Amino acid sequence: MDRGKYMSGSLGQPLLDGHPDDRSTTTAATNGYAVRLDKVSKRFDRRTDIPPVLDEMSLDAAPGEFVALLGASGCGKSTLLNMVAGLEPATGGRIEVPGGRAALMFQDAALFPWLTAGRNVELALRLRGVPRAERRAEAQQLLELVRLGSSYDTRIHELSGGMRQRVALARALAQDAPVLLMDEPFGALDAITRDLLHDEITRIWSEAGLTILFVTHNVREAVRLGQRVVLMSSRPGRVVKEWAVDIPQPRRIEAPEVAHLAGVITEDLRQEIRRHGHH
């Protein structure tokens, strides 16, 4: 995986602020991109009186960039990830993932309970075509990466919620994709466990050079993790506004700088929710 990084601008500086149709502006435009959405639209209902989930949404993510996506429920964040992962076709526009594929991690760990932690990771390796003789060693390495090296033979029901999400993360990493899509992966966890996993995903992202698109409803979580925070409008989903996050890692979710920027973003999110509610 490429270990390159994309560094954002000054703290809280909007990268994009204006009409939702405006194009996203990032260094990806000049230095290549890991994910590109070019005027992507998605409809689940063919009736024209029902707005599409996404309407000509454009967004780039640079190689090695951590992008956090925010928006009200139903704005199309999860649908967007599913389309980037290739699980849903776009109705219009173009989606490009030059690296060829993206791994998707859900809020629900979705592990097979009859398999051990190690065997769950091995399954992803098998699907990737890794020879059987090499799978156990590679699965062990991945579990060690997420700090579960001693849990290879542990059954899923014996693991805590946070440990299950670590296994799910190891399984996603087993796909060896340059892009990792995370759909509210820590939303069901308690605050302390979530904070610990914030540290882990930040470490793994930095070490592996991954490009991450991270969907969350938690504004502070978005600022805690992302190099860039993107706010989406509600039905139709488009990019409304973006913020660069120039707060050095490791960040703390309770840090004053994080709280300040989260407050600014929250106000814009509230305005977007109110705007949608008046439609």
Protein backbone atom coordinates (compact mmCIF):
# COMPACT_ATOMS: atom_id res chain seq x y z
CA MET A 1 0.00 0.00 0.00
CA ASP A 2 1.13 3.55 -0.71
CA ARG A 3 2.27 5.29 2.47
CA GLY A 4 1.75 8.78 1.03
CA LYS A 5 -0.34 11.31 2.93
CA TYR A 6 -2.44 14.32 2.10
CA MET A 7 -2.03 17.26 4.46
CA SER A 8 -4.96 19.63 4.90
CA GLY A 9 -5.01 23.39 5.23
CA SER A 10 -5.54 25.56 8.30
CA LEU A 11 -7.78 24.56 11.19
CA GLY A 12 -11.44 24.81 10.36
CA GLN A 13 -10.86 26.50 7.01
CA PRO A 14 -13.75 25.62 4.67
CA LEU A 15 -12.46 23.96 1.52
CA LEU A 16 -15.85 24.20 -0.14
CA ASP A 17 -18.69 26.49 0.85
CA GLY A 18 -21.47 27.30 -1.54
CA HIS A 19 -23.96 25.69 -3.87
CA PRO A 20 -24.20 21.92 -3.40
CA ASP A 21 -23.34 21.41 -7.09
CA ASP A 22 -19.86 22.93 -6.66
CA ARG A 23 -17.02 20.49 -7.34
CA SER A 24 -14.84 19.23 -4.50
CA THR A 25 -11.35 20.76 -4.60
CA THR A 26 -8.51 18.68 -3.19
CA THR A 27 -4.91 17.88 -4.05
CA ALA A 28 -6.28 14.73 -5.67
CA ALA A 29 -6.99 16.79 -8.75
CA THR A 30 -3.30 17.42 -9.34
CA ASN A 31 -1.58 14.53 -7.58
CA GLY A 32 -3.90 11.67 -8.53
CA TYR A 33 -6.79 10.27 -6.54
CA ALA A 34 -7.69 7.04 -4.78
CA VAL A 35 -11.45 7.54 -5.17
CA ARG A 36 -13.31 9.84 -7.54
CA LEU A 37 -17.06 10.40 -7.73
CA ASP A 38 -17.93 12.42 -10.82
CA LYS A 39 -21.52 13.70 -10.82
CA VAL A 40 -22.80 10.45 -9.33
CA SER A 41 -26.55 9.96 -8.99
CA LYS A 42 -28.58 7.18 -7.41
CA ARG A 43 -32.30 6.48 -7.57
CA PHE A 44 -34.10 3.56 -5.95
CA ASP A 45 -37.51 4.72 -7.22
CA ARG A 46 -38.15 5.55 -10.88
CA ARG A 47 -40.90 8.04 -10.09
CA THR A 48 -39.72 11.55 -10.90
CA ASP A 49 -41.71 13.12 -8.04
CA ILE A 50 -39.46 11.37 -5.51
CA PRO A 51 -35.99 12.96 -5.18
CA PRO A 52 -32.97 10.75 -5.81
CA VAL A 53 -30.80 9.59 -2.91
CA LEU A 54 -27.74 11.15 -4.57
CA ASP A 55 -27.84 13.75 -7.33
CA GLU A 56 -24.71 14.57 -9.34
CA MET A 57 -22.47 14.28 -6.30
CA SER A 58 -18.77 14.89 -6.93
CA LEU A 59 -15.99 14.09 -4.48
CA ASP A 60 -12.32 13.14 -4.67
CA ALA A 61 -10.20 11.41 -2.02
CA ALA A 62 -6.43 11.64 -2.42
CA PRO A 63 -4.16 8.62 -1.89
CA GLY A 64 -3.60 8.16 1.83
CA GLU A 65 -6.29 10.67 2.80
CA PHE A 66 -8.74 10.16 5.68
CA VAL A 67 -12.11 11.68 4.73
CA ALA A 68 -14.99 11.76 7.23
CA LEU A 69 -18.51 12.00 5.78
CA LEU A 70 -21.29 13.64 7.80
CA GLY A 71 -24.97 14.21 7.09
CA ALA A 72 -28.46 13.67 8.38
CA SER A 73 -29.97 10.19 8.36
CA GLY A 74 -31.07 9.22 4.87
CA CYS A 75 -28.70 11.58 3.05
CA GLY A 76 -27.10 8.70 1.17
CA LYS A 77 -23.82 8.21 3.04
CA SER A 78 -24.13 4.43 3.30
CA THR A 79 -25.43 4.18 -0.27
CA LEU A 80 -22.37 6.11 -1.42
CA LEU A 81 -20.03 3.64 0.30
CA ASN A 82 -21.92 0.67 -1.14
CA MET A 83 -21.49 2.10 -4.64
CA VAL A 84 -17.77 2.77 -4.17
CA ALA A 85 -17.45 -0.84 -2.94
CA GLY A 86 -19.25 -2.08 -6.05
CA LEU A 87 -22.25 -3.45 -4.15
CA GLU A 88 -24.69 -0.98 -5.73
CA PRO A 89 -24.68 0.40 -9.28
CA ALA A 90 -24.86 4.14 -9.81
CA THR A 91 -27.85 5.48 -11.73
CA GLY A 92 -25.71 8.15 -13.35
CA GLY A 93 -22.21 9.60 -13.30
CA ARG A 94 -18.90 7.82 -12.85
CA ILE A 95 -17.11 6.22 -9.88
CA GLU A 96 -13.39 5.55 -10.17
CA VAL A 97 -11.18 3.59 -7.78
CA PRO A 98 -7.82 3.46 -9.60
CA GLY A 99 -6.47 0.89 -7.15
CA GLY A 100 -9.12 -1.50 -8.39
CA ARG A 101 -11.11 -2.24 -5.26
CA ALA A 102 -12.24 -1.01 -1.86
CA ALA A 103 -12.87 -2.95 1.36
CA LEU A 104 -16.05 -2.20 3.32
CA MET A 105 -16.47 -2.39 7.10
CA PHE A 106 -19.95 -2.09 8.64
CA GLN A 107 -21.28 -0.97 12.03
CA ASP A 108 -22.24 -4.59 12.68
CA ALA A 109 -19.10 -6.71 12.77
CA ALA A 110 -21.01 -9.39 10.78
CA LEU A 111 -18.60 -12.15 11.80
CA PHE A 112 -19.37 -15.85 11.44
CA PRO A 113 -20.06 -17.02 15.02
CA TRP A 114 -19.16 -20.66 14.34
CA LEU A 115 -15.62 -19.65 13.30
CA THR A 116 -12.78 -18.42 15.49
CA ALA A 117 -11.40 -14.90 15.14
CA GLY A 118 -8.53 -16.22 13.07
CA ARG A 119 -10.75 -18.29 10.80
CA ASN A 120 -12.96 -15.25 10.13
CA VAL A 121 -9.89 -13.38 8.90
CA GLU A 122 -8.71 -16.41 6.94
CA LEU A 123 -12.00 -16.49 5.06
CA ALA A 124 -11.25 -13.08 3.54
CA LEU A 125 -7.76 -14.28 2.63
CA ARG A 126 -9.24 -17.33 0.96
CA LEU A 127 -11.58 -15.18 -1.10
CA ARG A 128 -8.57 -13.06 -2.10
CA GLY A 129 -6.82 -16.18 -3.38
CA VAL A 130 -4.12 -16.49 -0.74
CA PRO A 131 -2.78 -20.09 -0.74
CA ARG A 132 -4.04 -22.22 2.13
CA ALA A 133 -0.52 -22.80 3.49
CA GLU A 134 -0.02 -19.05 3.93
CA ARG A 135 -3.39 -18.06 5.38
CA ARG A 136 -2.84 -18.79 9.06
CA ALA A 137 0.41 -16.83 9.25
CA GLU A 138 -1.08 -13.85 7.42
CA ALA A 139 -4.25 -13.93 9.53
CA GLN A 140 -2.09 -14.00 12.65
CA GLN A 141 -0.17 -10.96 11.43
CA LEU A 142 -3.40 -9.08 10.78
CA LEU A 143 -4.75 -9.90 14.23
CA GLU A 144 -1.50 -8.67 15.73
CA LEU A 145 -1.88 -5.45 13.75
CA VAL A 146 -5.22 -4.81 15.49
CA ARG A 147 -3.74 -5.93 18.84
CA LEU A 148 -5.56 -9.27 18.99
CA GLY A 149 -2.58 -11.53 18.40
CA SER A 150 -3.52 -13.89 21.23
CA SER A 151 -7.14 -14.30 20.05
CA TYR A 152 -6.66 -16.40 16.91
CA ASP A 153 -8.47 -19.44 18.37
CA THR A 154 -11.05 -17.46 20.35
CA ARG A 155 -14.71 -17.95 19.44
CA ILE A 156 -16.62 -14.83 18.45
CA HIS A 157 -19.11 -15.06 21.34
CA GLU A 158 -16.18 -14.85 23.76
CA LEU A 159 -15.09 -11.47 22.41
CA SER A 160 -16.32 -8.06 23.55
CA GLY A 161 -17.97 -5.66 21.11
CA GLY A 162 -14.76 -3.73 20.65
CA MET A 163 -12.76 -6.90 20.06
CA ARG A 164 -15.28 -8.07 17.45
CA GLN A 165 -14.85 -4.79 15.60
CA ARG A 166 -11.08 -5.31 15.68
CA VAL A 167 -11.58 -8.72 14.07
CA ALA A 168 -13.87 -7.11 11.48
CA LEU A 169 -11.15 -4.53 10.81
CA ALA A 170 -8.53 -7.27 10.41
CA ARG A 171 -10.86 -9.05 7.99
CA ALA A 172 -11.31 -5.85 5.97
CA LEU A 173 -7.55 -5.31 5.89
CA ALA A 174 -7.13 -8.91 4.72
CA GLN A 175 -8.59 -7.85 1.39
CA ASP A 176 -5.40 -5.83 0.84
CA ALA A 177 -7.38 -3.03 -0.79
CA PRO A 178 -5.85 0.45 -0.96
CA VAL A 179 -9.19 2.01 0.01
CA LEU A 180 -11.05 1.23 3.24
CA LEU A 181 -14.72 2.21 3.53
CA MET A 182 -16.02 2.41 7.10
CA ASP A 183 -19.78 2.74 7.69
CA GLU A 184 -20.23 3.92 11.29
CA PRO A 185 -17.98 1.09 12.54
CA PHE A 186 -17.86 2.35 16.13
CA GLY A 187 -21.42 3.67 16.46
CA ALA A 188 -22.67 0.84 18.70
CA LEU A 189 -19.71 0.90 21.12
CA ASP A 190 -19.38 2.64 24.46
CA ALA A 191 -17.39 5.87 24.64
CA ILE A 192 -14.22 4.39 26.16
CA THR A 193 -14.03 1.49 23.70
CA ARG A 194 -14.74 3.86 20.82
CA ASP A 195 -11.94 6.16 21.95
CA LEU A 196 -9.49 3.26 22.08
CA LEU A 197 -10.48 2.17 18.59
CA HIS A 198 -10.02 5.74 17.35
CA ASP A 199 -6.38 5.40 18.39
CA GLU A 200 -6.10 2.03 16.65
CA ILE A 201 -7.60 3.10 13.33
CA THR A 202 -5.44 6.25 13.32
CA ARG A 203 -2.33 4.13 13.90
CA ILE A 204 -3.23 1.56 11.24
CA TRP A 205 -4.18 4.26 8.71
CA SER A 206 -0.84 5.99 9.26
CA GLU A 207 1.22 2.80 9.08
CA ALA A 208 -0.55 1.26 6.07
CA GLY A 209 -1.00 4.41 3.99
CA LEU A 210 -4.67 3.61 3.44
CA THR A 211 -7.24 5.91 1.92
CA ILE A 212 -10.26 5.90 4.25
CA LEU A 213 -13.82 7.11 3.69
CA PHE A 214 -15.42 7.11 7.14
CA VAL A 215 -19.17 7.62 7.59
CA THR A 216 -20.37 8.82 11.00
CA HIS A 217 -23.20 10.72 12.69
CA ASN A 218 -20.80 11.87 15.42
CA VAL A 219 -19.31 15.27 14.56
CA ARG A 220 -16.56 15.05 17.17
CA GLU A 221 -15.61 11.61 15.89
CA ALA A 222 -15.33 13.06 12.37
CA VAL A 223 -13.02 15.83 13.58
CA ARG A 224 -11.08 13.44 15.83
CA LEU A 225 -10.24 11.16 12.88
CA GLY A 226 -10.49 12.98 9.57
CA GLN A 227 -8.03 15.10 7.65
CA ARG A 228 -11.08 16.45 5.91
CA VAL A 229 -14.71 16.55 7.01
CA VAL A 230 -17.37 16.56 4.29
CA LEU A 231 -20.98 17.59 4.98
CA MET A 232 -23.66 16.12 2.73
CA SER A 233 -27.10 17.52 2.04
CA SER A 234 -30.26 15.47 2.48
CA ARG A 235 -32.16 14.01 -0.47
CA PRO A 236 -30.77 14.65 -2.86
CA GLY A 237 -27.36 14.00 -1.38
CA ARG A 238 -24.59 16.32 -2.52
CA VAL A 239 -21.50 17.89 -1.00
CA VAL A 240 -22.57 21.04 0.83
CA LYS A 241 -19.38 22.05 2.62
CA GLU A 242 -15.92 20.75 3.54
CA TRP A 243 -13.42 21.55 6.27
CA ALA A 244 -9.70 20.87 6.43
CA VAL A 245 -8.63 19.57 9.85
CA ASP A 246 -5.11 20.74 10.61
CA ILE A 247 -4.91 19.39 14.16
CA PRO A 248 -1.83 17.19 14.67
CA GLN A 249 -2.38 13.50 15.36
CA PRO A 250 -2.74 11.92 17.81
CA ARG A 251 -5.80 14.00 18.65
CA ARG A 252 -8.04 13.68 21.66
CA ILE A 253 -11.80 13.83 21.18
CA GLU A 254 -12.05 16.13 24.22
CA ALA A 255 -9.29 18.49 23.00
CA PRO A 256 -10.35 22.19 22.80
CA GLU A 257 -9.38 22.41 19.11
CA VAL A 258 -11.51 19.37 18.29
CA ALA A 259 -14.44 20.70 20.31
CA HIS A 260 -14.22 24.11 18.63
CA LEU A 261 -14.25 22.81 15.06
CA ALA A 262 -16.93 20.26 15.95
CA GLY A 263 -19.09 23.14 17.20
CA VAL A 264 -18.67 25.02 13.92
CA ILE A 265 -19.55 21.95 11.87
CA THR A 266 -22.49 21.05 14.11
CA GLU A 267 -24.10 24.42 13.43
CA ASP A 268 -23.87 23.85 9.68
CA LEU A 269 -25.27 20.34 10.12
CA ARG A 270 -28.21 21.75 12.10
CA GLN A 271 -28.91 24.29 9.37
CA GLU A 272 -28.86 21.54 6.76
CA ILE A 273 -31.27 19.40 8.82
CA ARG A 274 -33.58 22.39 9.30
CA ARG A 275 -33.44 23.19 5.59
CA HIS A 276 -34.37 19.62 4.74
CA GLY A 277 -37.18 19.63 7.31
CA HIS A 278 -38.84 22.60 5.60
CA HIS A 279 -39.07 20.77 2.27
